[in-house]
Protein backbone atom coordinates (compact mmCIF):
# COMPACT_ATOMS: atom_id res chain seq x y z
CA MET A 1 14.07 6.92 6.50
CA ALA A 2 13.41 3.53 4.95
CA PHE A 3 10.07 2.62 3.40
CA LYS A 4 8.36 -0.69 4.15
CA ILE A 5 7.35 -1.85 0.69
CA ASN A 6 4.73 -4.56 0.08
CA ILE A 7 4.77 -6.07 -3.41
CA GLY A 8 1.64 -8.02 -4.35
CA GLU A 9 1.36 -10.56 -7.17
CA LYS A 10 -1.79 -11.69 -8.99
CA SER A 11 -1.53 -15.05 -7.24
CA GLY A 12 -2.10 -13.33 -3.89
CA LYS A 13 1.46 -13.74 -2.62
CA THR A 14 2.96 -10.63 -1.00
CA TYR A 15 6.66 -9.91 -0.67
CA LYS A 16 7.96 -7.48 1.94
CA LEU A 17 10.99 -5.29 1.46
CA GLU A 18 12.57 -2.47 3.42
CA SER A 19 14.32 0.03 1.17
CA GLU A 20 15.48 3.64 1.12
CA ALA A 21 14.04 4.02 -2.46
CA ARG A 22 14.38 7.77 -3.08
CA GLY A 23 12.80 7.29 -6.52
CA LEU A 24 9.37 6.86 -4.91
CA ILE A 25 9.25 10.34 -3.37
CA ASP A 26 6.90 12.76 -5.21
CA LYS A 27 5.15 9.91 -7.06
CA GLU A 28 1.36 9.65 -6.78
CA LEU A 29 -1.02 6.77 -6.16
CA GLY A 30 -1.66 5.00 -9.46
CA ASP A 31 1.73 5.94 -10.95
CA LYS A 32 3.84 3.27 -12.62
CA ILE A 33 7.49 2.85 -11.56
CA ASP A 34 10.42 0.71 -12.67
CA GLY A 35 11.77 -1.96 -10.35
CA LYS A 36 15.28 -0.49 -10.64
CA GLU A 37 14.13 2.53 -8.62
CA ILE A 38 13.42 0.26 -5.65
CA LYS A 39 16.12 -2.40 -5.83
CA SER A 40 18.65 -3.36 -8.51
CA ASP A 41 17.49 -7.03 -8.44
CA LEU A 42 14.02 -5.95 -9.63
CA ASP A 43 15.30 -4.91 -13.08
CA GLY A 44 12.63 -5.45 -15.74
CA TYR A 45 9.70 -5.25 -13.34
CA VAL A 46 7.08 -2.51 -13.58
CA PHE A 47 4.97 -1.73 -10.51
CA GLU A 48 1.90 0.40 -9.81
CA ILE A 49 1.52 2.27 -6.51
CA THR A 50 -1.80 1.13 -5.04
CA GLY A 51 -1.66 2.58 -1.54
CA ALA A 52 0.40 4.02 1.28
CA SER A 53 0.19 4.99 4.94
CA ASP A 54 2.20 7.25 7.23
CA SER A 55 3.83 6.63 10.61
CA ALA A 56 0.59 7.42 12.50
CA GLY A 57 -1.35 4.91 10.38
CA PHE A 58 -3.29 7.44 8.27
CA PRO A 59 -3.95 5.94 4.82
CA SER A 60 -3.51 7.92 1.63
CA LEU A 61 -6.39 8.31 -0.82
CA LYS A 62 -6.58 9.60 -4.39
CA VAL A 63 -9.27 12.16 -3.48
CA VAL A 64 -6.85 14.27 -1.38
CA PRO A 65 -4.29 16.20 -3.46
CA GLY A 66 -0.72 16.80 -2.31
CA GLN A 67 1.08 15.50 0.78
CA ILE A 68 -1.21 17.02 3.42
CA LEU A 69 -3.40 15.57 6.16
CA LYS A 70 -7.05 16.44 5.67
CA GLY A 71 -10.38 15.54 7.25
CA VAL A 72 -12.60 13.94 4.61
CA LEU A 73 -16.20 12.75 4.86
CA LEU A 74 -16.09 9.05 3.94
CA LYS A 75 -18.64 6.35 3.19
CA TYR A 76 -18.04 2.72 4.07
CA GLY A 77 -15.06 1.43 2.10
CA LYS A 78 -11.39 2.31 1.77
CA GLY A 79 -10.18 4.19 4.83
CA MET A 80 -13.39 3.62 6.84
CA HIS A 81 -14.71 0.32 8.18
CA LYS A 82 -16.89 1.30 11.15
CA LYS A 83 -19.99 -0.65 12.07
CA PRO A 84 -23.18 1.35 12.63
CA ARG A 85 -24.76 1.39 16.08
CA ARG A 86 -28.35 0.33 16.73
CA GLU A 87 -29.25 -1.10 13.36
CA GLY A 88 -31.65 -3.65 14.82
CA LYS A 89 -31.04 -7.24 13.85
CA LYS A 90 -27.55 -8.12 12.76
CA PRO A 91 -27.15 -7.29 9.06
CA ALA A 92 -25.70 -9.77 6.60
CA ARG A 93 -21.89 -9.82 6.63
CA ASP A 94 -21.50 -8.66 3.05
CA LYS A 95 -24.07 -5.88 3.37
CA LYS A 96 -22.72 -2.34 3.64
CA PRO A 97 -24.27 -0.13 6.32
CA GLN A 98 -26.85 2.30 4.94
CA GLY A 99 -26.25 6.03 5.33
CA LEU A 100 -23.15 5.77 7.51
CA ARG A 101 -20.64 8.56 6.87
CA LEU A 102 -17.82 9.70 9.14
CA ARG A 103 -15.17 12.38 8.95
CA LYS A 104 -11.74 10.73 8.98
CA THR A 105 -8.21 12.08 8.67
CA ILE A 106 -6.59 11.04 5.39
CA ARG A 107 -3.12 11.62 3.93
CA GLY A 108 -2.73 13.05 0.40
CA ARG A 109 -1.99 10.96 -2.68
CA VAL A 110 1.64 12.12 -3.16
CA ILE A 111 4.36 9.94 -1.60
CA SER A 112 6.53 11.91 0.84
CA GLU A 113 9.10 11.16 3.53
CA ALA A 114 6.25 11.05 6.07
CA MET A 115 5.09 7.74 4.53
CA THR A 116 6.32 4.53 6.12
CA GLN A 117 4.47 1.85 4.14
CA ILE A 118 3.93 1.69 0.38
CA ASN A 119 1.89 -0.96 -1.42
CA LEU A 120 2.80 -1.97 -4.98
CA LYS A 121 1.16 -4.20 -7.59
CA VAL A 122 3.15 -6.08 -10.25
CA LEU A 123 2.24 -4.98 -13.80
CA SER A 124 5.01 -6.69 -15.78
CA VAL A 125 7.42 -9.40 -14.71
CA GLY A 126 11.21 -9.24 -15.03
CA LYS A 127 13.75 -11.95 -15.84
CA LYS A 128 13.86 -13.53 -12.37
CA PRO A 129 10.67 -14.46 -10.50
CA LEU A 130 10.01 -12.65 -7.23
CA ALA A 131 10.16 -15.95 -5.31
CA GLU A 132 13.86 -16.27 -6.26
CA ILE A 133 14.68 -12.64 -5.47
CA PHE A 134 13.05 -12.73 -2.04
CA ALA A 135 14.00 -16.32 -1.14
CA PRO A 136 15.30 -16.53 2.44
CA ALA A 137 19.04 -17.12 2.64
CA GLU A 138 19.77 -20.67 3.67
CA ALA A 139 21.46 -20.98 7.03
CA PRO A 140 24.65 -23.06 7.12
CA LYS A 141 24.09 -26.55 8.55
CA THR A 142 25.89 -27.33 11.77
CA GLU A 143 26.42 -30.96 12.71
């Protein structure tokens, strides 16, 4: 099964790639990997795994060990973005809700074949920029 890989640069640009990438299996969130393990064109790049999610949409978090699904009590933040009910006047947009905790199902931090999407961050750049590697192929002009 192919992984959908999202590669994010510091500039905010994200490149999408679909790859079989067997070198990612059994890696954990926060691990550093070489670009060669994903695609041969990414030689010289070093990436960090920042996140992942499985086919049902469950995100993976560092607090859950292994490859399992587990119910975890979460505060507002990564993996949980619910709005509280009956808080009176509308709170400021940047204010986090006070005291809101919910039990959510979370996937473990180890990448497995159950994962469908993997998010990567560029740590060091290779010889070719990512814009050249992921440039769309030009269609032949017909006149």
